[in-house]
Amino acid sequence: MELKNVPVAKTELLIRKPVAQVFEAFIDPEMITKFWFDRSSGRLESGQTVQWHWDLFDMAIDVRVKAIEANQRILIEWGTDAANVTTVEWTFTARTDETTYVSILVGGFSGDADKIVSQALDSMGGFSLVLAAAKAWLEHGIQLNIVADRF
């Protein structure tokens, strides 16, 4: 199989909370660990590298923060090694004073065509779960543990 266009993963969801609160949930380790991973070496800040940990899977990943635009955008690079680096971009759009539309775009997949398609589909599924878990926690205070329960 030959790819004419390398796929990207995209998922989006409305969260019924103000944009500043939703944005903060994705950069503050005290908040993001309520719905995604177990711990972080620090807050996301432009130009910094932090490490995210999933203790259940004995896994950690370096996250290089490429850009932060307060209440609007987060851009990171991450990967298990130099040959497998992908970019993840979150955009936050206030729909009303009390709602935020979050869009996540993941790209930069590598390997043969089958591997690239598999990575894109896996990323879309994974980030869809992250958004659903963030929505449950931010809107209702419920920790779904949905990411841990996926595997």
Protein backbone atom coordinates (compact mmCIF):
# COMPACT_ATOMS: atom_id res chain seq x y z
CA MET A 1 0.00 0.00 0.00
CA GLU A 2 1.25 3.45 -0.88
CA LEU A 3 0.07 6.58 0.89
CA LYS A 4 -0.51 9.68 -1.20
CA ASN A 5 -1.18 11.76 1.90
CA VAL A 6 0.24 10.90 5.31
CA PRO A 7 -2.71 10.73 7.72
CA VAL A 8 -3.11 12.84 10.82
CA ALA A 9 -5.27 12.00 13.80
CA LYS A 10 -7.90 14.53 14.79
CA THR A 11 -10.47 14.52 17.55
CA GLU A 12 -12.64 17.31 18.93
CA LEU A 13 -15.13 17.78 21.74
CA LEU A 14 -17.06 20.53 23.49
CA ILE A 15 -16.37 20.88 27.21
CA ARG A 16 -18.86 22.90 29.21
CA LYS A 17 -16.34 24.96 31.18
CA PRO A 18 -14.63 28.32 30.49
CA VAL A 19 -11.63 28.24 28.18
CA ALA A 20 -9.16 29.31 30.90
CA GLN A 21 -10.20 26.39 33.10
CA VAL A 22 -10.02 23.83 30.28
CA PHE A 23 -6.64 25.13 29.07
CA GLU A 24 -5.23 25.02 32.61
CA ALA A 25 -6.39 21.41 32.99
CA PHE A 26 -4.05 20.38 30.16
CA ILE A 27 -0.92 22.21 31.37
CA ASP A 28 -1.15 21.79 35.15
CA PRO A 29 0.09 18.38 36.36
CA GLU A 30 -2.23 18.46 39.38
CA MET A 31 -5.21 18.63 37.01
CA ILE A 32 -4.21 16.57 33.98
CA THR A 33 -3.33 13.60 36.18
CA LYS A 34 -7.02 13.43 37.12
CA PHE A 35 -7.90 12.25 33.61
CA TRP A 36 -4.83 11.14 31.65
CA PHE A 37 -1.54 9.97 33.17
CA ASP A 38 -0.33 9.35 36.73
CA ARG A 39 2.34 11.97 37.26
CA SER A 40 4.46 14.60 35.56
CA SER A 41 7.84 16.15 36.24
CA GLY A 42 6.34 19.62 35.82
CA ARG A 43 3.95 22.08 34.30
CA LEU A 44 3.93 22.56 30.53
CA GLU A 45 5.89 25.70 29.65
CA SER A 46 7.15 26.78 26.25
CA GLY A 47 10.69 25.59 25.56
CA GLN A 48 10.70 23.10 28.46
CA THR A 49 10.82 19.31 28.50
CA VAL A 50 8.77 17.39 31.05
CA GLN A 51 8.27 13.70 31.59
CA TRP A 52 4.85 12.08 31.82
CA HIS A 53 4.44 8.76 33.65
CA TRP A 54 1.87 5.98 33.39
CA ASP A 55 2.75 3.95 36.49
CA LEU A 56 0.43 1.03 35.74
CA PHE A 57 2.31 0.38 32.50
CA ASP A 58 5.76 1.31 33.87
CA MET A 59 6.01 3.82 31.04
CA ALA A 60 7.34 7.35 30.79
CA ILE A 61 7.73 9.68 27.85
CA ASP A 62 9.60 12.94 27.32
CA VAL A 63 7.36 15.80 26.23
CA ARG A 64 9.05 18.75 24.53
CA VAL A 65 6.89 21.85 24.68
CA LYS A 66 7.25 23.73 21.39
CA ALA A 67 4.61 26.44 21.96
CA ILE A 68 2.10 27.63 24.53
CA GLU A 69 -0.41 30.35 23.72
CA ALA A 70 -2.44 30.99 26.86
CA ASN A 71 -6.03 29.76 26.56
CA GLN A 72 -5.56 29.07 22.84
CA ARG A 73 -2.93 26.50 21.90
CA ILE A 74 -0.47 23.88 23.14
CA LEU A 75 2.08 22.30 20.78
CA ILE A 76 4.33 19.43 21.89
CA GLU A 77 6.62 16.81 20.42
CA TRP A 78 6.93 13.41 22.02
CA GLY A 79 8.14 9.96 21.19
CA THR A 80 9.84 6.88 22.52
CA ASP A 81 12.99 7.58 20.48
CA ALA A 82 14.30 10.01 17.85
CA ALA A 83 12.87 7.92 15.00
CA ASN A 84 9.34 7.94 16.44
CA VAL A 85 8.57 11.57 17.23
CA THR A 86 5.09 12.91 16.67
CA THR A 87 3.57 16.33 17.22
CA VAL A 88 0.42 16.96 19.20
CA GLU A 89 -1.44 20.24 18.95
CA TRP A 90 -4.37 21.26 21.13
CA THR A 91 -6.46 24.28 20.20
CA PHE A 92 -8.97 25.77 22.59
CA THR A 93 -11.84 27.90 21.29
CA ALA A 94 -14.30 29.62 23.58
CA ARG A 95 -17.78 29.02 22.17
CA THR A 96 -19.46 30.97 24.98
CA ASP A 97 -18.18 32.25 28.31
CA GLU A 98 -18.94 28.82 29.77
CA THR A 99 -18.01 26.42 26.94
CA THR A 100 -14.78 25.47 25.19
CA TYR A 101 -14.28 23.52 21.98
CA VAL A 102 -11.08 21.47 22.18
CA SER A 103 -9.42 20.15 19.05
CA ILE A 104 -6.44 17.78 19.08
CA LEU A 105 -4.36 17.15 15.97
CA VAL A 106 -1.59 14.52 15.98
CA GLY A 107 0.86 14.10 13.10
CA GLY A 108 4.35 13.12 12.05
CA PHE A 109 3.80 9.37 12.02
CA SER A 110 6.62 7.30 10.52
CA GLY A 111 7.27 3.84 9.14
CA ASP A 112 5.70 1.93 6.29
CA ALA A 113 2.16 2.71 5.14
CA ASP A 114 0.52 0.08 7.35
CA LYS A 115 2.38 1.30 10.43
CA ILE A 116 1.52 4.95 9.74
CA VAL A 117 -2.18 4.17 9.36
CA SER A 118 -2.12 2.06 12.52
CA GLN A 119 -0.42 4.85 14.49
CA ALA A 120 -2.91 7.45 13.26
CA LEU A 121 -5.91 5.30 14.17
CA ASP A 122 -4.47 4.43 17.58
CA SER A 123 -3.74 8.11 18.29
CA MET A 124 -7.23 9.17 17.31
CA GLY A 125 -8.76 6.56 19.59
CA GLY A 126 -6.46 7.38 22.48
CA PHE A 127 -6.93 11.13 22.30
CA SER A 128 -10.70 10.69 21.95
CA LEU A 129 -10.62 8.87 25.29
CA VAL A 130 -8.47 11.62 26.83
CA LEU A 131 -11.00 14.25 25.75
CA ALA A 132 -13.92 12.21 27.07
CA ALA A 133 -12.13 11.72 30.40
CA ALA A 134 -11.28 15.43 30.59
CA LYS A 135 -14.93 16.31 29.93
CA ALA A 136 -16.17 13.95 32.68
CA TRP A 137 -13.68 15.31 35.20
CA LEU A 138 -14.08 19.01 34.35
CA GLU A 139 -17.86 19.00 34.02
CA HIS A 140 -18.81 16.46 36.69
CA GLY A 141 -15.76 15.80 38.88
CA ILE A 142 -15.73 12.15 37.83
CA GLN A 143 -12.42 10.34 37.31
CA LEU A 144 -13.26 7.68 34.73
CA ASN A 145 -9.85 5.96 34.71
CA ILE A 146 -10.67 5.40 31.05
CA VAL A 147 -7.08 5.64 29.80
CA ALA A 148 -5.80 3.02 32.26
CA ASP A 149 -8.76 0.75 31.52
CA ARG A 150 -8.11 0.81 27.78
CA PHE A 151 -5.31 -1.74 28.05
